[in-house]
Amino acid sequence: MRVLIDTNIVLDALLEREAFVEDARTLFTAIQSQQIQGFVTATTLTNIFYIVRKQTKSIERAREAVAMTLALMKICEVNRNILETAFASNLRDFEDAVQLACAYAKNVDAIVTRNADDFAGASLPILSVQQLFEQMNNDG
């Protein structure tokens, strides 16, 4: 299964956010074992660096977070076409619109997020980590 991982899920794992870290780690393990192909947008990497550096006060931790993401995930490039598609969308948040445009461009099966409402109106499944694994178990 090919999925685009929302920035918040990646940060849950990297920053070990207590309420969400187990789900995120389970997802990362499935990606690492190639049960799932995980995609993030190029802009997710800049957001990861900024947020990890800000919260940990460590450039080294921020660099490690980006390196780990690069090693684990496939990257959806953000070019003019992606940006124009995102800008023309009806989503309230431009960052989410960019992620959705990338998801369409990479023909992923779903977007995995904790904030399904951020992608309201999308024409592909928007799943939590738990919903993703339930769907995979049901599909065989």
N, C-alpha and C. Protein backbone atom coordinates (compact mmCIF):
# COMPACT_ATOMS: atom_id res chain seq x y z
N MET A 1 0.84 -1.18 0.00
CA MET A 1 0.00 0.00 0.00
C MET A 1 0.89 1.24 0.00
N ARG A 2 0.50 2.22 -0.78
CA ARG A 2 1.23 3.49 -0.90
C ARG A 2 0.45 4.57 -0.16
N VAL A 3 1.10 5.21 0.82
CA VAL A 3 0.41 6.24 1.59
C VAL A 3 1.27 7.48 1.76
N LEU A 4 0.61 8.62 1.75
CA LEU A 4 1.28 9.88 2.08
C LEU A 4 1.08 10.11 3.57
N ILE A 5 2.17 10.36 4.27
CA ILE A 5 2.15 10.53 5.72
C ILE A 5 2.12 12.03 6.03
N ASP A 6 1.08 12.44 6.75
CA ASP A 6 0.96 13.84 7.17
C ASP A 6 2.12 14.20 8.10
N THR A 7 2.54 15.43 8.02
CA THR A 7 3.67 15.92 8.82
C THR A 7 3.51 15.60 10.30
N ASN A 8 2.29 15.74 10.84
CA ASN A 8 2.09 15.51 12.27
C ASN A 8 2.41 14.08 12.69
N ILE A 9 2.13 13.11 11.83
CA ILE A 9 2.42 11.71 12.16
C ILE A 9 3.94 11.50 12.23
N VAL A 10 4.66 12.08 11.28
CA VAL A 10 6.12 11.97 11.29
C VAL A 10 6.67 12.60 12.57
N LEU A 11 6.16 13.77 12.92
CA LEU A 11 6.62 14.45 14.13
C LEU A 11 6.25 13.67 15.39
N ASP A 12 5.13 12.96 15.38
CA ASP A 12 4.76 12.13 16.53
C ASP A 12 5.86 11.13 16.85
N ALA A 13 6.40 10.51 15.80
CA ALA A 13 7.48 9.53 15.99
C ALA A 13 8.78 10.21 16.37
N LEU A 14 9.15 11.24 15.63
CA LEU A 14 10.45 11.88 15.84
C LEU A 14 10.57 12.59 17.18
N LEU A 15 9.47 13.19 17.63
CA LEU A 15 9.48 13.93 18.89
C LEU A 15 8.93 13.10 20.05
N GLU A 16 8.57 11.86 19.75
CA GLU A 16 8.04 10.94 20.76
C GLU A 16 6.88 11.56 21.53
N ARG A 17 5.92 12.07 20.78
CA ARG A 17 4.74 12.68 21.40
C ARG A 17 3.93 11.57 22.08
N GLU A 18 3.80 11.71 23.39
CA GLU A 18 3.34 10.62 24.24
C GLU A 18 2.04 9.96 23.79
N ALA A 19 1.03 10.71 23.49
CA ALA A 19 -0.27 10.11 23.16
C ALA A 19 -0.27 9.43 21.80
N PHE A 20 0.71 9.72 20.96
CA PHE A 20 0.65 9.26 19.57
C PHE A 20 1.87 8.45 19.11
N VAL A 21 2.90 8.37 19.93
CA VAL A 21 4.17 7.80 19.48
C VAL A 21 4.05 6.33 19.10
N GLU A 22 3.25 5.55 19.82
CA GLU A 22 3.17 4.11 19.52
C GLU A 22 2.59 3.87 18.14
N ASP A 23 1.51 4.56 17.79
CA ASP A 23 0.93 4.41 16.45
C ASP A 23 1.95 4.81 15.39
N ALA A 24 2.63 5.92 15.62
CA ALA A 24 3.59 6.41 14.63
C ALA A 24 4.75 5.42 14.47
N ARG A 25 5.23 4.87 15.57
CA ARG A 25 6.32 3.89 15.49
C ARG A 25 5.87 2.62 14.76
N THR A 26 4.65 2.19 15.00
CA THR A 26 4.12 1.01 14.31
C THR A 26 4.09 1.27 12.81
N LEU A 27 3.67 2.45 12.42
CA LEU A 27 3.65 2.82 11.01
C LEU A 27 5.06 2.84 10.44
N PHE A 28 5.99 3.46 11.14
CA PHE A 28 7.39 3.53 10.67
C PHE A 28 7.98 2.13 10.51
N THR A 29 7.65 1.23 11.44
CA THR A 29 8.14 -0.15 11.34
C THR A 29 7.59 -0.83 10.09
N ALA A 30 6.32 -0.62 9.80
CA ALA A 30 5.72 -1.21 8.59
C ALA A 30 6.35 -0.64 7.32
N ILE A 31 6.72 0.63 7.36
CA ILE A 31 7.40 1.24 6.21
C ILE A 31 8.81 0.66 6.08
N GLN A 32 9.49 0.55 7.20
CA GLN A 32 10.85 0.02 7.20
C GLN A 32 10.89 -1.41 6.68
N SER A 33 9.87 -2.20 7.02
CA SER A 33 9.82 -3.60 6.58
C SER A 33 9.18 -3.74 5.20
N GLN A 34 8.87 -2.62 4.57
CA GLN A 34 8.34 -2.54 3.21
C GLN A 34 6.95 -3.14 3.06
N GLN A 35 6.19 -3.22 4.15
CA GLN A 35 4.78 -3.58 4.07
C GLN A 35 4.00 -2.41 3.46
N ILE A 36 4.51 -1.22 3.70
CA ILE A 36 3.87 0.02 3.26
C ILE A 36 4.94 0.88 2.60
N GLN A 37 4.56 1.57 1.52
CA GLN A 37 5.43 2.60 0.94
C GLN A 37 4.98 3.94 1.51
N GLY A 38 5.87 4.60 2.23
CA GLY A 38 5.54 5.88 2.84
C GLY A 38 6.10 7.03 2.04
N PHE A 39 5.26 8.03 1.81
CA PHE A 39 5.65 9.25 1.09
C PHE A 39 5.47 10.44 2.02
N VAL A 40 6.35 11.41 1.89
CA VAL A 40 6.16 12.73 2.49
C VAL A 40 6.48 13.75 1.42
N THR A 41 5.98 14.95 1.60
CA THR A 41 6.28 16.02 0.65
C THR A 41 7.64 16.63 0.98
N ALA A 42 8.24 17.24 -0.01
CA ALA A 42 9.51 17.94 0.22
C ALA A 42 9.34 19.02 1.28
N THR A 43 8.19 19.66 1.30
CA THR A 43 7.95 20.71 2.29
C THR A 43 7.83 20.14 3.70
N THR A 44 7.43 18.89 3.82
CA THR A 44 7.39 18.25 5.13
C THR A 44 8.77 18.24 5.77
N LEU A 45 9.80 18.03 4.95
CA LEU A 45 11.17 17.98 5.49
C LEU A 45 11.59 19.32 6.08
N THR A 46 11.24 20.42 5.43
CA THR A 46 11.60 21.72 5.99
C THR A 46 10.80 21.99 7.27
N ASN A 47 9.55 21.56 7.28
CA ASN A 47 8.73 21.71 8.49
C ASN A 47 9.29 20.88 9.64
N ILE A 48 9.72 19.65 9.34
CA ILE A 48 10.30 18.79 10.36
C ILE A 48 11.54 19.46 10.97
N PHE A 49 12.42 19.94 10.11
CA PHE A 49 13.64 20.59 10.61
C PHE A 49 13.29 21.75 11.53
N TYR A 50 12.40 22.62 11.07
CA TYR A 50 12.03 23.81 11.83
C TYR A 50 11.42 23.44 13.18
N ILE A 51 10.45 22.53 13.17
CA ILE A 51 9.72 22.19 14.39
C ILE A 51 10.61 21.43 15.38
N VAL A 52 11.38 20.46 14.88
CA VAL A 52 12.26 19.70 15.78
C VAL A 52 13.31 20.63 16.39
N ARG A 53 13.90 21.50 15.58
CA ARG A 53 14.90 22.44 16.11
C ARG A 53 14.27 23.36 17.16
N LYS A 54 13.08 23.85 16.87
CA LYS A 54 12.41 24.77 17.79
C LYS A 54 12.07 24.08 19.12
N GLN A 55 11.56 22.85 19.04
CA GLN A 55 11.11 22.17 20.26
C GLN A 55 12.26 21.56 21.06
N THR A 56 13.33 21.15 20.38
CA THR A 56 14.45 20.51 21.09
C THR A 56 15.61 21.47 21.33
N LYS A 57 15.58 22.62 20.66
CA LYS A 57 16.67 23.60 20.73
C LYS A 57 18.00 22.99 20.26
N SER A 58 17.91 22.04 19.32
CA SER A 58 19.10 21.33 18.86
C SER A 58 19.10 21.20 17.34
N ILE A 59 20.07 21.83 16.70
CA ILE A 59 20.22 21.67 15.25
C ILE A 59 20.58 20.23 14.92
N GLU A 60 21.39 19.60 15.77
CA GLU A 60 21.78 18.21 15.52
C GLU A 60 20.56 17.28 15.53
N ARG A 61 19.67 17.45 16.49
CA ARG A 61 18.44 16.63 16.53
C ARG A 61 17.59 16.90 15.29
N ALA A 62 17.53 18.15 14.86
CA ALA A 62 16.76 18.48 13.66
C ALA A 62 17.36 17.81 12.43
N ARG A 63 18.67 17.83 12.33
CA ARG A 63 19.35 17.18 11.20
C ARG A 63 19.13 15.66 11.23
N GLU A 64 19.19 15.07 12.41
CA GLU A 64 18.93 13.63 12.56
C GLU A 64 17.51 13.29 12.13
N ALA A 65 16.56 14.15 12.50
CA ALA A 65 15.16 13.91 12.14
C ALA A 65 14.97 13.93 10.62
N VAL A 66 15.59 14.89 9.96
CA VAL A 66 15.50 14.97 8.50
C VAL A 66 16.20 13.77 7.87
N ALA A 67 17.37 13.41 8.38
CA ALA A 67 18.11 12.26 7.83
C ALA A 67 17.30 10.98 7.96
N MET A 68 16.67 10.78 9.10
CA MET A 68 15.86 9.58 9.30
C MET A 68 14.67 9.55 8.34
N THR A 69 14.04 10.69 8.17
CA THR A 69 12.89 10.77 7.26
C THR A 69 13.33 10.50 5.83
N LEU A 70 14.45 11.08 5.42
CA LEU A 70 14.97 10.83 4.07
C LEU A 70 15.30 9.36 3.85
N ALA A 71 15.83 8.71 4.87
CA ALA A 71 16.21 7.31 4.74
C ALA A 71 14.99 6.39 4.65
N LEU A 72 13.91 6.78 5.28
CA LEU A 72 12.74 5.91 5.40
C LEU A 72 11.67 6.15 4.35
N MET A 73 11.47 7.40 3.98
CA MET A 73 10.33 7.77 3.14
C MET A 73 10.74 8.08 1.71
N LYS A 74 9.78 7.92 0.82
CA LYS A 74 9.92 8.43 -0.54
C LYS A 74 9.48 9.89 -0.50
N ILE A 75 10.10 10.72 -1.31
CA ILE A 75 9.83 12.16 -1.27
C ILE A 75 9.02 12.57 -2.49
N CYS A 76 7.94 13.28 -2.22
CA CYS A 76 7.12 13.85 -3.29
C CYS A 76 7.63 15.26 -3.54
N GLU A 77 8.17 15.48 -4.73
CA GLU A 77 8.70 16.81 -5.03
C GLU A 77 7.56 17.82 -5.09
N VAL A 78 7.88 19.02 -4.71
CA VAL A 78 6.91 20.12 -4.74
C VAL A 78 7.39 21.09 -5.80
N ASN A 79 6.71 21.05 -6.94
CA ASN A 79 7.08 21.93 -8.05
C ASN A 79 5.93 22.91 -8.32
N ARG A 80 6.08 23.69 -9.36
CA ARG A 80 5.07 24.70 -9.68
C ARG A 80 3.69 24.08 -9.89
N ASN A 81 3.63 22.96 -10.59
CA ASN A 81 2.34 22.32 -10.86
C ASN A 81 1.65 21.89 -9.55
N ILE A 82 2.42 21.32 -8.64
CA ILE A 82 1.87 20.92 -7.33
C ILE A 82 1.36 22.15 -6.60
N LEU A 83 2.15 23.22 -6.59
CA LEU A 83 1.75 24.43 -5.88
C LEU A 83 0.50 25.07 -6.48
N GLU A 84 0.42 25.09 -7.81
CA GLU A 84 -0.77 25.67 -8.46
C GLU A 84 -2.00 24.82 -8.19
N THR A 85 -1.83 23.50 -8.23
CA THR A 85 -2.95 22.60 -7.91
C THR A 85 -3.41 22.83 -6.48
N ALA A 86 -2.47 22.93 -5.57
CA ALA A 86 -2.80 23.15 -4.16
C ALA A 86 -3.49 24.49 -3.97
N PHE A 87 -2.99 25.51 -4.62
CA PHE A 87 -3.55 26.85 -4.48
C PHE A 87 -4.99 26.91 -5.00
N ALA A 88 -5.27 26.13 -6.04
CA ALA A 88 -6.61 26.12 -6.64
C ALA A 88 -7.59 25.25 -5.87
N SER A 89 -7.10 24.50 -4.89
CA SER A 89 -7.98 23.59 -4.15
C SER A 89 -8.86 24.37 -3.18
N ASN A 90 -9.80 23.65 -2.59
CA ASN A 90 -10.71 24.27 -1.64
C ASN A 90 -10.28 24.09 -0.19
N LEU A 91 -9.11 23.53 0.03
CA LEU A 91 -8.67 23.32 1.41
C LEU A 91 -8.30 24.65 2.06
N ARG A 92 -8.62 24.76 3.35
CA ARG A 92 -8.36 26.00 4.09
C ARG A 92 -6.87 26.22 4.33
N ASP A 93 -6.13 25.14 4.54
CA ASP A 93 -4.72 25.23 4.90
C ASP A 93 -3.86 24.91 3.68
N PHE A 94 -2.98 25.81 3.31
CA PHE A 94 -2.17 25.62 2.10
C PHE A 94 -1.21 24.44 2.25
N GLU A 95 -0.64 24.26 3.43
CA GLU A 95 0.27 23.12 3.64
C GLU A 95 -0.45 21.80 3.38
N ASP A 96 -1.66 21.68 3.91
CA ASP A 96 -2.44 20.46 3.67
C ASP A 96 -2.80 20.31 2.20
N ALA A 97 -3.09 21.43 1.55
CA ALA A 97 -3.41 21.40 0.11
C ALA A 97 -2.21 20.91 -0.70
N VAL A 98 -1.01 21.33 -0.32
CA VAL A 98 0.20 20.85 -0.99
C VAL A 98 0.35 19.35 -0.79
N GLN A 99 0.12 18.89 0.43
CA GLN A 99 0.21 17.45 0.69
C GLN A 99 -0.81 16.68 -0.14
N LEU A 100 -2.02 17.19 -0.24
CA LEU A 100 -3.06 16.52 -1.02
C LEU A 100 -2.69 16.50 -2.50
N ALA A 101 -2.20 17.61 -3.03
CA ALA A 101 -1.79 17.65 -4.44
C ALA A 101 -0.66 16.65 -4.70
N CYS A 102 0.25 16.52 -3.77
CA CYS A 102 1.32 15.52 -3.90
C CYS A 102 0.76 14.10 -3.85
N ALA A 103 -0.20 13.88 -2.98
CA ALA A 103 -0.81 12.55 -2.88
C ALA A 103 -1.44 12.15 -4.21
N TYR A 104 -2.14 13.09 -4.83
CA TYR A 104 -2.73 12.81 -6.15
C TYR A 104 -1.64 12.56 -7.18
N ALA A 105 -0.59 13.37 -7.17
CA ALA A 105 0.49 13.24 -8.16
C ALA A 105 1.21 11.90 -8.04
N LYS A 106 1.35 11.40 -6.83
CA LYS A 106 2.04 10.12 -6.60
C LYS A 106 1.07 8.94 -6.63
N ASN A 107 -0.21 9.23 -6.84
CA ASN A 107 -1.22 8.17 -6.95
C ASN A 107 -1.20 7.24 -5.74
N VAL A 108 -1.17 7.84 -4.56
CA VAL A 108 -1.15 7.03 -3.34
C VAL A 108 -2.54 6.47 -3.07
N ASP A 109 -2.58 5.47 -2.20
CA ASP A 109 -3.85 4.82 -1.86
C ASP A 109 -4.60 5.57 -0.77
N ALA A 110 -3.88 6.34 0.04
CA ALA A 110 -4.51 7.05 1.16
C ALA A 110 -3.54 8.08 1.73
N ILE A 111 -4.10 9.00 2.51
CA ILE A 111 -3.31 9.91 3.33
C ILE A 111 -3.51 9.45 4.77
N VAL A 112 -2.41 9.37 5.52
CA VAL A 112 -2.47 8.96 6.92
C VAL A 112 -2.23 10.20 7.77
N THR A 113 -3.19 10.49 8.65
CA THR A 113 -3.16 11.72 9.45
C THR A 113 -3.93 11.52 10.74
N ARG A 114 -3.70 12.40 11.70
CA ARG A 114 -4.55 12.47 12.89
C ARG A 114 -5.65 13.50 12.70
N ASN A 115 -5.59 14.25 11.62
CA ASN A 115 -6.51 15.36 11.42
C ASN A 115 -7.27 15.20 10.10
N ALA A 116 -8.16 14.23 10.05
CA ALA A 116 -8.89 13.95 8.82
C ALA A 116 -9.66 15.17 8.32
N ASP A 117 -10.15 15.99 9.23
CA ASP A 117 -10.91 17.18 8.83
C ASP A 117 -10.09 18.14 7.98
N ASP A 118 -8.77 18.11 8.14
CA ASP A 118 -7.90 18.99 7.35
C ASP A 118 -7.95 18.67 5.86
N PHE A 119 -8.40 17.46 5.53
CA PHE A 119 -8.43 17.02 4.14
C PHE A 119 -9.87 16.78 3.66
N ALA A 120 -10.82 17.46 4.28
CA ALA A 120 -12.23 17.29 3.92
C ALA A 120 -12.43 17.57 2.43
N GLY A 121 -13.17 16.68 1.79
CA GLY A 121 -13.45 16.83 0.37
C GLY A 121 -12.47 16.12 -0.54
N ALA A 122 -11.44 15.51 0.03
CA ALA A 122 -10.47 14.77 -0.78
C ALA A 122 -11.14 13.55 -1.40
N SER A 123 -10.68 13.19 -2.59
CA SER A 123 -11.29 12.05 -3.27
C SER A 123 -10.48 10.76 -3.08
N LEU A 124 -9.68 10.71 -2.04
CA LEU A 124 -9.01 9.47 -1.69
C LEU A 124 -9.16 9.27 -0.19
N PRO A 125 -9.00 8.05 0.30
CA PRO A 125 -9.22 7.80 1.72
C PRO A 125 -8.26 8.60 2.61
N ILE A 126 -8.81 9.14 3.68
CA ILE A 126 -8.04 9.85 4.70
C ILE A 126 -8.17 9.01 5.96
N LEU A 127 -7.06 8.42 6.40
CA LEU A 127 -7.10 7.41 7.45
C LEU A 127 -6.20 7.78 8.62
N SER A 128 -6.60 7.33 9.81
CA SER A 128 -5.68 7.35 10.95
C SER A 128 -4.74 6.16 10.80
N VAL A 129 -3.71 6.11 11.62
CA VAL A 129 -2.80 4.96 11.57
C VAL A 129 -3.58 3.68 11.87
N GLN A 130 -4.44 3.71 12.88
CA GLN A 130 -5.21 2.52 13.23
C GLN A 130 -6.15 2.11 12.09
N GLN A 131 -6.80 3.07 11.45
CA GLN A 131 -7.67 2.75 10.32
C GLN A 131 -6.89 2.14 9.17
N LEU A 132 -5.67 2.63 8.94
CA LEU A 132 -4.83 2.08 7.88
C LEU A 132 -4.57 0.60 8.12
N PHE A 133 -4.17 0.25 9.35
CA PHE A 133 -3.87 -1.15 9.65
C PHE A 133 -5.12 -2.01 9.63
N GLU A 134 -6.25 -1.47 10.07
CA GLU A 134 -7.52 -2.21 9.97
C GLU A 134 -7.83 -2.52 8.52
N GLN A 135 -7.68 -1.54 7.65
CA GLN A 135 -7.95 -1.73 6.22
C GLN A 135 -7.00 -2.76 5.63
N MET A 136 -5.73 -2.68 5.99
CA MET A 136 -4.75 -3.65 5.48
C MET A 136 -5.08 -5.07 5.95
N ASN A 137 -5.51 -5.21 7.21
CA ASN A 137 -5.88 -6.53 7.73
C ASN A 137 -7.12 -7.07 7.03
N ASN A 138 -8.07 -6.19 6.73
CA ASN A 138 -9.29 -6.61 6.04
C ASN A 138 -9.03 -6.99 4.59
N ASP A 139 -8.05 -6.33 3.97
CA ASP A 139 -7.73 -6.60 2.57
C ASP A 139 -6.93 -7.88 2.40
N GLY A 140 -6.45 -8.42 3.48
CA GLY A 140 -5.75 -9.70 3.39
C GLY A 140 -4.33 -9.58 3.63
